[in-house]
Amino acid sequence: MELESSEIERALSELQKVTDDATVYKSIGSLLIKTQRAEIMKELEERKDLAKTRITVLAKQEERTKERVKELQQRLQERLRSPATEVETS
């Protein structure tokens, strides 16, 4: 996702350097289609916003997963220690 966001940023940067009447092509599969600069810039901005949203969502999911794994590790370690303590005291 971050790679896609970076590529979109580079494309927008390059498009800002050209004039509105410049010939711009859009890649669709293995084809290049002629398009309007404003149209492709709008599309790229939308894709950029969507990519940022996805990155944020994935980061939150990753954080929750890490917390859950940490919690499970602690519970497992506690359970592994408990029987050993009970055996030693018996």
Protein backbone atom coordinates (compact mmCIF):
# COMPACT_ATOMS: atom_id res chain seq x y z
CA MET A 1 0.00 0.00 0.00
CA GLU A 2 2.78 2.39 0.85
CA LEU A 3 4.49 1.61 -2.45
CA GLU A 4 1.27 2.38 -4.33
CA SER A 5 0.87 5.63 -2.40
CA SER A 6 4.44 6.61 -3.25
CA GLU A 7 3.88 5.88 -6.96
CA ILE A 8 0.72 7.98 -6.96
CA GLU A 9 2.60 10.86 -5.32
CA ARG A 10 5.30 10.69 -8.01
CA ALA A 11 2.71 10.62 -10.80
CA LEU A 12 0.88 13.62 -9.34
CA SER A 13 4.17 15.47 -8.97
CA GLU A 14 5.01 14.88 -12.63
CA LEU A 15 1.51 15.88 -13.76
CA GLN A 16 1.80 19.17 -11.88
CA LYS A 17 4.84 20.02 -13.99
CA VAL A 18 2.94 19.85 -17.29
CA THR A 19 0.31 22.21 -18.69
CA ASP A 20 -3.39 21.41 -19.05
CA ASP A 21 -3.05 21.06 -22.83
CA ALA A 22 -0.20 18.50 -22.59
CA THR A 23 -0.86 15.04 -23.98
CA VAL A 24 -1.29 12.59 -21.11
CA TYR A 25 -1.72 8.84 -21.32
CA LYS A 26 -3.24 6.50 -18.76
CA SER A 27 -2.11 2.91 -18.43
CA ILE A 28 -4.92 0.37 -18.52
CA GLY A 29 -3.46 -3.10 -18.46
CA SER A 30 -1.04 -3.27 -21.37
CA LEU A 31 -2.68 -0.31 -23.16
CA LEU A 32 -1.99 3.41 -22.97
CA ILE A 33 -5.11 5.53 -23.38
CA LYS A 34 -5.02 9.25 -24.09
CA THR A 35 -6.79 11.21 -21.34
CA GLN A 36 -7.22 14.70 -19.95
CA ARG A 37 -4.70 15.92 -17.36
CA ALA A 38 -7.43 17.14 -14.99
CA GLU A 39 -9.28 13.83 -15.23
CA ILE A 40 -6.25 11.72 -14.39
CA MET A 41 -5.22 14.08 -11.57
CA LYS A 42 -8.67 13.74 -10.01
CA GLU A 43 -8.49 9.96 -10.29
CA LEU A 44 -5.01 9.87 -8.76
CA GLU A 45 -6.09 12.10 -5.86
CA GLU A 46 -8.97 9.72 -5.14
CA ARG A 47 -6.64 6.72 -5.27
CA LYS A 48 -4.20 8.54 -2.98
CA ASP A 49 -6.94 9.19 -0.42
CA LEU A 50 -8.10 5.59 -0.61
CA ALA A 51 -4.54 4.31 -0.16
CA LYS A 52 -4.05 6.54 2.90
CA THR A 53 -7.28 5.22 4.41
CA ARG A 54 -6.22 1.62 3.77
CA ILE A 55 -2.80 2.24 5.30
CA THR A 56 -4.43 3.72 8.41
CA VAL A 57 -6.85 0.80 8.75
CA LEU A 58 -4.09 -1.77 8.26
CA ALA A 59 -1.87 -0.02 10.82
CA LYS A 60 -4.67 -0.14 13.39
CA GLN A 61 -5.34 -3.81 12.64
CA GLU A 62 -1.65 -4.57 12.97
CA GLU A 63 -1.48 -2.80 16.34
CA ARG A 64 -4.52 -4.70 17.66
CA THR A 65 -3.04 -7.98 16.44
CA LYS A 66 0.28 -7.25 18.14
CA GLU A 67 -1.52 -6.45 21.39
CA ARG A 68 -3.52 -9.66 21.15
CA VAL A 69 -0.40 -11.74 20.48
CA LYS A 70 1.38 -10.12 23.42
CA GLU A 71 -1.61 -10.86 25.68
CA LEU A 72 -1.74 -14.48 24.53
CA GLN A 73 2.01 -14.88 25.07
CA GLN A 74 1.68 -13.58 28.63
CA ARG A 75 -1.21 -15.93 29.36
CA LEU A 76 0.69 -18.86 27.91
CA GLN A 77 3.80 -18.06 29.95
CA GLU A 78 1.70 -17.81 33.12
CA ARG A 79 0.12 -21.20 32.43
CA LEU A 80 3.47 -22.77 31.68
CA ARG A 81 4.90 -21.45 34.97
CA SER A 82 1.91 -22.45 37.11
CA PRO A 83 2.18 -26.26 36.78
CA ALA A 84 5.93 -26.15 37.42
CA THR A 85 5.36 -24.24 40.64
CA GLU A 86 2.64 -26.67 41.75
CA VAL A 87 4.90 -29.68 41.08
CA GLU A 88 7.78 -28.14 43.08
CA THR A 89 5.61 -27.40 46.12
CA SER A 90 4.01 -30.87 46.21
